[in-house]
Amino acid sequence: MSQEVTRLLNNWANGDQSAVDELMPMVYAELRRMAKRSMRSQNAGHTLQTTALINEAYVKLVNQKEKHWKNRAHFFGVAAQAMRHILVDYARSRQSAKRGGDFRIVSVEESATISDEAGTVSEERIIEIIELNDALNTLASIDKRKTQIVELKFFGGLSIEEIATFLNVSPKTVKRDWQLARMWLLRELEGDR
């Protein structure tokens, strides 16, 4: 199956649009697993659904101008990055709405309903997502590979072996970099608080 996915990705990159139709059923289950993993880091009342995250990530992947997928792991690595960006954009838009960016005048009767709905994503969780993204951007300026490992593991749910294949390094290197990146991020995020 992995070789078939790689073949379809190559065909797609070479302009075969029918390959996209064949590819989707093969990669959907894996994209769903990745999206579920990403959504597990969100609170229970998160209003962005797993299916919406999959669909948005898939649209981003399909609409990319450059589609030179090296292999299955590379495709899912790019999907993990897309999911990270979607979640961060979503968190920022929610934060903007909480600051009045979604301001509209409502009646007194509506206000009770709206205030109940508005509490579905906690301000703390939104801030955590944005802080993690900012810390990852800082880490990327120091060590791009460690940042990729965090994206692939945390947002993509890829295994150590899959990440090693994607980055073309040994699993031992991935494990070491994952531990170092986690320690660095914890220190960075605790320093912000």
C-alpha atoms as a PDB file:
ATOM      1  CA  MET A   1       0.000   0.000   0.000  1.00  0.00           C
ATOM      2  CA  SER A   2       2.829   2.418   0.854  1.00  0.00           C
ATOM      3  CA  GLN A   3       4.324   1.935  -2.616  1.00  0.00           C
ATOM      4  CA  GLU A   4       0.921   2.452  -4.232  1.00  0.00           C
ATOM      5  CA  VAL A   5       0.463   5.723  -2.311  1.00  0.00           C
ATOM      6  CA  THR A   6       3.922   6.876  -3.403  1.00  0.00           C
ATOM      7  CA  ARG A   7       3.109   5.964  -7.021  1.00  0.00           C
ATOM      8  CA  LEU A   8      -0.160   7.924  -6.910  1.00  0.00           C
ATOM      9  CA  LEU A   9       1.571  10.902  -5.274  1.00  0.00           C
ATOM     10  CA  ASN A  10       4.146  10.910  -8.082  1.00  0.00           C
ATOM     11  CA  ASN A  11       1.421  10.665 -10.723  1.00  0.00           C
ATOM     12  CA  TRP A  12      -0.444  13.526  -9.068  1.00  0.00           C
ATOM     13  CA  ALA A  13       2.734  15.637  -8.954  1.00  0.00           C
ATOM     14  CA  ASN A  14       3.140  14.979 -12.684  1.00  0.00           C
ATOM     15  CA  GLY A  15      -0.319  16.354 -13.429  1.00  0.00           C
ATOM     16  CA  ASP A  16      -2.520  13.230 -13.331  1.00  0.00           C
ATOM     17  CA  GLN A  17      -5.666  14.566 -11.637  1.00  0.00           C
ATOM     18  CA  SER A  18      -7.284  11.110 -11.583  1.00  0.00           C
ATOM     19  CA  ALA A  19      -4.526  10.053  -9.165  1.00  0.00           C
ATOM     20  CA  VAL A  20      -6.023  12.441  -6.584  1.00  0.00           C
ATOM     21  CA  ASP A  21      -9.353  10.604  -6.768  1.00  0.00           C
ATOM     22  CA  GLU A  22      -7.625   7.246  -6.303  1.00  0.00           C
ATOM     23  CA  LEU A  23      -5.384   8.578  -3.543  1.00  0.00           C
ATOM     24  CA  MET A  24      -8.026  10.051  -1.244  1.00  0.00           C
ATOM     25  CA  PRO A  25      -9.591   6.757  -0.101  1.00  0.00           C
ATOM     26  CA  MET A  26      -6.101   5.374   0.565  1.00  0.00           C
ATOM     27  CA  VAL A  27      -4.901   8.290   2.696  1.00  0.00           C
ATOM     28  CA  TYR A  28      -8.179   9.319   4.345  1.00  0.00           C
ATOM     29  CA  ALA A  29      -7.880   6.927   7.292  1.00  0.00           C
ATOM     30  CA  GLU A  30      -4.345   8.134   8.006  1.00  0.00           C
ATOM     31  CA  LEU A  31      -5.382  11.803   7.689  1.00  0.00           C
ATOM     32  CA  ARG A  32      -8.257  11.076  10.083  1.00  0.00           C
ATOM     33  CA  ARG A  33      -5.859   9.498  12.602  1.00  0.00           C
ATOM     34  CA  MET A  34      -3.590  12.534  12.325  1.00  0.00           C
ATOM     35  CA  ALA A  35      -6.503  14.947  12.753  1.00  0.00           C
ATOM     36  CA  LYS A  36      -7.798  13.038  15.787  1.00  0.00           C
ATOM     37  CA  ARG A  37      -4.331  13.187  17.310  1.00  0.00           C
ATOM     38  CA  SER A  38      -4.165  16.942  16.687  1.00  0.00           C
ATOM     39  CA  MET A  39      -7.661  17.448  18.091  1.00  0.00           C
ATOM     40  CA  ARG A  40      -6.814  15.472  21.261  1.00  0.00           C
ATOM     41  CA  SER A  41      -4.595  18.357  22.282  1.00  0.00           C
ATOM     42  CA  GLN A  42      -7.649  20.643  22.139  1.00  0.00           C
ATOM     43  CA  ASN A  43     -10.236  20.969  24.880  1.00  0.00           C
ATOM     44  CA  ALA A  44     -13.465  18.960  24.732  1.00  0.00           C
ATOM     45  CA  GLY A  45     -15.583  21.948  23.659  1.00  0.00           C
ATOM     46  CA  HIS A  46     -13.419  22.779  20.652  1.00  0.00           C
ATOM     47  CA  THR A  47     -15.737  23.898  17.861  1.00  0.00           C
ATOM     48  CA  LEU A  48     -13.472  22.834  14.987  1.00  0.00           C
ATOM     49  CA  GLN A  49     -14.373  19.229  14.213  1.00  0.00           C
ATOM     50  CA  THR A  50     -11.983  16.467  13.129  1.00  0.00           C
ATOM     51  CA  THR A  51     -13.703  16.153   9.747  1.00  0.00           C
ATOM     52  CA  ALA A  52     -13.375  19.898   9.136  1.00  0.00           C
ATOM     53  CA  LEU A  53      -9.663  19.729  10.006  1.00  0.00           C
ATOM     54  CA  ILE A  54      -9.168  16.821   7.573  1.00  0.00           C
ATOM     55  CA  ASN A  55     -11.066  18.616   4.831  1.00  0.00           C
ATOM     56  CA  GLU A  56      -9.190  21.896   5.291  1.00  0.00           C
ATOM     57  CA  ALA A  57      -5.835  20.106   5.344  1.00  0.00           C
ATOM     58  CA  TYR A  58      -6.759  18.137   2.228  1.00  0.00           C
ATOM     59  CA  VAL A  59      -7.822  21.310   0.397  1.00  0.00           C
ATOM     60  CA  LYS A  60      -4.491  22.921   1.324  1.00  0.00           C
ATOM     61  CA  LEU A  61      -2.618  19.878   0.023  1.00  0.00           C
ATOM     62  CA  VAL A  62      -4.601  19.703  -3.216  1.00  0.00           C
ATOM     63  CA  ASN A  63      -4.225  23.430  -3.877  1.00  0.00           C
ATOM     64  CA  GLN A  64      -0.454  23.506  -3.359  1.00  0.00           C
ATOM     65  CA  LYS A  65       1.381  24.683  -6.442  1.00  0.00           C
ATOM     66  CA  GLU A  66       4.408  22.461  -5.782  1.00  0.00           C
ATOM     67  CA  LYS A  67       3.416  18.821  -5.419  1.00  0.00           C
ATOM     68  CA  HIS A  68       6.727  17.049  -5.483  1.00  0.00           C
ATOM     69  CA  TRP A  69       6.051  14.383  -2.892  1.00  0.00           C
ATOM     70  CA  LYS A  70       9.098  12.224  -2.219  1.00  0.00           C
ATOM     71  CA  ASN A  71       7.053   9.455  -0.664  1.00  0.00           C
ATOM     72  CA  ARG A  72       4.124   8.675   1.633  1.00  0.00           C
ATOM     73  CA  ALA A  73       5.952   9.973   4.724  1.00  0.00           C
ATOM     74  CA  HIS A  74       6.706  13.274   2.981  1.00  0.00           C
ATOM     75  CA  PHE A  75       3.030  13.714   2.063  1.00  0.00           C
ATOM     76  CA  PHE A  76       1.910  13.085   5.636  1.00  0.00           C
ATOM     77  CA  GLY A  77       4.634  15.374   6.939  1.00  0.00           C
ATOM     78  CA  VAL A  78       3.272  18.201   4.821  1.00  0.00           C
ATOM     79  CA  ALA A  79      -0.245  17.273   5.997  1.00  0.00           C
ATOM     80  CA  ALA A  80       0.917  17.588   9.629  1.00  0.00           C
ATOM     81  CA  GLN A  81       2.290  21.064   8.894  1.00  0.00           C
ATOM     82  CA  ALA A  82      -1.011  22.027   7.252  1.00  0.00           C
ATOM     83  CA  MET A  83      -2.951  20.846  10.326  1.00  0.00           C
ATOM     84  CA  ARG A  84      -0.677  22.869  12.602  1.00  0.00           C
ATOM     85  CA  HIS A  85      -1.313  26.008  10.565  1.00  0.00           C
ATOM     86  CA  ILE A  86      -5.073  25.416  10.461  1.00  0.00           C
ATOM     87  CA  LEU A  87      -5.250  24.964  14.252  1.00  0.00           C
ATOM     88  CA  VAL A  88      -3.132  28.061  14.874  1.00  0.00           C
ATOM     89  CA  ASP A  89      -5.206  30.144  12.436  1.00  0.00           C
ATOM     90  CA  TYR A  90      -8.357  28.866  14.122  1.00  0.00           C
ATOM     91  CA  ALA A  91      -7.010  29.737  17.588  1.00  0.00           C
ATOM     92  CA  ARG A  92      -6.020  33.216  16.443  1.00  0.00           C
ATOM     93  CA  SER A  93      -9.431  33.855  14.906  1.00  0.00           C
ATOM     94  CA  ARG A  94     -11.102  32.687  18.139  1.00  0.00           C
ATOM     95  CA  GLN A  95      -8.821  34.953  20.147  1.00  0.00           C
ATOM     96  CA  SER A  96      -9.678  37.849  17.843  1.00  0.00           C
ATOM     97  CA  ALA A  97     -13.382  37.131  18.285  1.00  0.00           C
ATOM     98  CA  LYS A  98     -12.981  37.128  22.077  1.00  0.00           C
ATOM     99  CA  ARG A  99     -11.317  40.556  21.853  1.00  0.00           C
ATOM    100  CA  GLY A 100     -14.224  42.005  19.897  1.00  0.00           C
ATOM    101  CA  GLY A 101     -13.161  41.086  16.387  1.00  0.00           C
ATOM    102  CA  ASP A 102     -16.514  39.348  15.910  1.00  0.00           C
ATOM    103  CA  PHE A 103     -18.458  42.178  17.552  1.00  0.00           C
ATOM    104  CA  ARG A 104     -22.134  42.530  16.742  1.00  0.00           C
ATOM    105  CA  ILE A 105     -25.112  44.043  18.548  1.00  0.00           C
ATOM    106  CA  VAL A 106     -27.503  41.490  20.041  1.00  0.00           C
ATOM    107  CA  SER A 107     -30.729  41.596  21.950  1.00  0.00           C
ATOM    108  CA  VAL A 108     -30.876  40.811  25.662  1.00  0.00           C
ATOM    109  CA  GLU A 109     -32.637  37.519  24.898  1.00  0.00           C
ATOM    110  CA  GLU A 110     -29.845  36.437  22.522  1.00  0.00           C
ATOM    111  CA  SER A 111     -27.050  37.349  24.920  1.00  0.00           C
ATOM    112  CA  ALA A 112     -27.602  34.390  27.268  1.00  0.00           C
ATOM    113  CA  THR A 113     -27.456  31.903  24.383  1.00  0.00           C
ATOM    114  CA  ILE A 114     -24.413  33.528  22.807  1.00  0.00           C
ATOM    115  CA  SER A 115     -22.468  33.682  26.074  1.00  0.00           C
ATOM    116  CA  ASP A 116     -23.047  29.940  26.565  1.00  0.00           C
ATOM    117  CA  GLU A 117     -21.817  29.184  23.013  1.00  0.00           C
ATOM    118  CA  ALA A 118     -18.845  31.546  23.209  1.00  0.00           C
ATOM    119  CA  GLY A 119     -17.338  29.583  26.073  1.00  0.00           C
ATOM    120  CA  THR A 120     -16.735  26.447  24.014  1.00  0.00           C
ATOM    121  CA  VAL A 121     -13.014  27.132  23.518  1.00  0.00           C
ATOM    122  CA  SER A 122     -11.248  28.316  26.633  1.00  0.00           C
ATOM    123  CA  GLU A 123      -9.077  31.418  26.407  1.00  0.00           C
ATOM    124  CA  GLU A 124      -6.311  29.432  28.104  1.00  0.00           C
ATOM    125  CA  ARG A 125      -6.330  26.749  25.377  1.00  0.00           C
ATOM    126  CA  ILE A 126      -6.260  29.376  22.609  1.00  0.00           C
ATOM    127  CA  ILE A 127      -3.276  31.069  24.239  1.00  0.00           C
ATOM    128  CA  GLU A 128      -1.496  27.688  24.641  1.00  0.00           C
ATOM    129  CA  ILE A 129      -1.857  26.905  20.921  1.00  0.00           C
ATOM    130  CA  ILE A 130      -0.561  30.329  19.932  1.00  0.00           C
ATOM    131  CA  GLU A 131       2.311  30.149  22.451  1.00  0.00           C
ATOM    132  CA  LEU A 132       3.287  26.696  21.163  1.00  0.00           C
ATOM    133  CA  ASN A 133       3.269  27.989  17.595  1.00  0.00           C
ATOM    134  CA  ASP A 134       5.416  30.996  18.567  1.00  0.00           C
ATOM    135  CA  ALA A 135       7.840  28.719  20.429  1.00  0.00           C
ATOM    136  CA  LEU A 136       8.030  26.387  17.406  1.00  0.00           C
ATOM    137  CA  ASN A 137       8.788  29.373  15.165  1.00  0.00           C
ATOM    138  CA  THR A 138      11.618  30.360  17.517  1.00  0.00           C
ATOM    139  CA  LEU A 139      12.893  26.780  17.581  1.00  0.00           C
ATOM    140  CA  ALA A 140      12.799  26.707  13.760  1.00  0.00           C
ATOM    141  CA  SER A 141      15.234  29.620  13.668  1.00  0.00           C
ATOM    142  CA  ILE A 142      17.584  27.600  15.897  1.00  0.00           C
ATOM    143  CA  ASP A 143      17.041  24.036  14.646  1.00  0.00           C
ATOM    144  CA  LYS A 144      14.655  23.364  11.761  1.00  0.00           C
ATOM    145  CA  ARG A 145      14.856  19.559  12.074  1.00  0.00           C
ATOM    146  CA  LYS A 146      13.753  19.557  15.705  1.00  0.00           C
ATOM    147  CA  THR A 147      10.811  21.757  14.739  1.00  0.00           C
ATOM    148  CA  GLN A 148       9.856  19.330  11.973  1.00  0.00           C
ATOM    149  CA  ILE A 149      10.035  16.428  14.409  1.00  0.00           C
ATOM    150  CA  VAL A 150       7.669  18.186  16.827  1.00  0.00           C
ATOM    151  CA  GLU A 151       5.231  18.970  13.988  1.00  0.00           C
ATOM    152  CA  LEU A 152       5.320  15.436  12.670  1.00  0.00           C
ATOM    153  CA  LYS A 153       4.989  13.808  16.090  1.00  0.00           C
ATOM    154  CA  PHE A 154       2.638  16.235  17.870  1.00  0.00           C
ATOM    155  CA  PHE A 155       0.424  17.466  15.042  1.00  0.00           C
ATOM    156  CA  GLY A 156       0.793  14.536  12.662  1.00  0.00           C
ATOM    157  CA  GLY A 157       1.009  11.625  15.066  1.00  0.00           C
ATOM    158  CA  LEU A 158       3.713  10.007  12.926  1.00  0.00           C
ATOM    159  CA  SER A 159       5.823   7.286  14.493  1.00  0.00           C
ATOM    160  CA  ILE A 160       9.559   7.631  15.134  1.00  0.00           C
ATOM    161  CA  GLU A 161      10.221   5.365  12.138  1.00  0.00           C
ATOM    162  CA  GLU A 162       7.941   7.376   9.823  1.00  0.00           C
ATOM    163  CA  ILE A 163       9.598  10.605  10.918  1.00  0.00           C
ATOM    164  CA  ALA A 164      13.036   9.087  10.346  1.00  0.00           C
ATOM    165  CA  THR A 165      11.980   8.122   6.804  1.00  0.00           C
ATOM    166  CA  PHE A 166      10.549  11.581   6.138  1.00  0.00           C
ATOM    167  CA  LEU A 167      13.673  13.365   7.386  1.00  0.00           C
ATOM    168  CA  ASN A 168      16.097  10.759   6.045  1.00  0.00           C
ATOM    169  CA  VAL A 169      17.798  10.252   9.422  1.00  0.00           C
ATOM    170  CA  SER A 170      18.028   7.324  11.824  1.00  0.00           C
ATOM    171  CA  PRO A 171      15.261   6.575  14.345  1.00  0.00           C
ATOM    172  CA  LYS A 172      17.864   7.077  17.099  1.00  0.00           C
ATOM    173  CA  THR A 173      18.450  10.647  15.853  1.00  0.00           C
ATOM    174  CA  VAL A 174      14.704  11.309  15.823  1.00  0.00           C
ATOM    175  CA  LYS A 175      14.331  10.029  19.409  1.00  0.00           C
ATOM    176  CA  ARG A 176      17.212  12.190  20.624  1.00  0.00           C
ATOM    177  CA  ASP A 177      15.974  15.293  18.804  1.00  0.00           C
ATOM    178  CA  TRP A 178      12.395  14.696  20.018  1.00  0.00           C
ATOM    179  CA  GLN A 179      13.587  14.598  23.649  1.00  0.00           C
ATOM    180  CA  LEU A 180      15.737  17.712  23.223  1.00  0.00           C
ATOM    181  CA  ALA A 181      12.956  19.601  21.430  1.00  0.00           C
ATOM    182  CA  ARG A 182      10.434  18.710  24.142  1.00  0.00           C
ATOM    183  CA  MET A 183      12.791  19.906  26.889  1.00  0.00           C
ATOM    184  CA  TRP A 184      13.511  23.124  24.985  1.00  0.00           C
ATOM    185  CA  LEU A 185       9.805  23.789  24.368  1.00  0.00           C
ATOM    186  CA  LEU A 186       8.871  23.111  27.994  1.00  0.00           C
ATOM    187  CA  ARG A 187      11.529  25.544  29.168  1.00  0.00           C
ATOM    188  CA  GLU A 188      10.463  28.123  26.583  1.00  0.00           C
ATOM    189  CA  LEU A 189       6.750  27.825  27.402  1.00  0.00           C
ATOM    190  CA  GLU A 190       7.310  27.868  31.158  1.00  0.00           C
ATOM    191  CA  GLY A 191       9.455  30.981  30.733  1.00  0.00           C
ATOM    192  CA  ASP A 192       6.514  32.749  29.073  1.00  0.00           C
ATOM    193  CA  ARG A 193       4.404  32.108  32.144  1.00  0.00           C
END
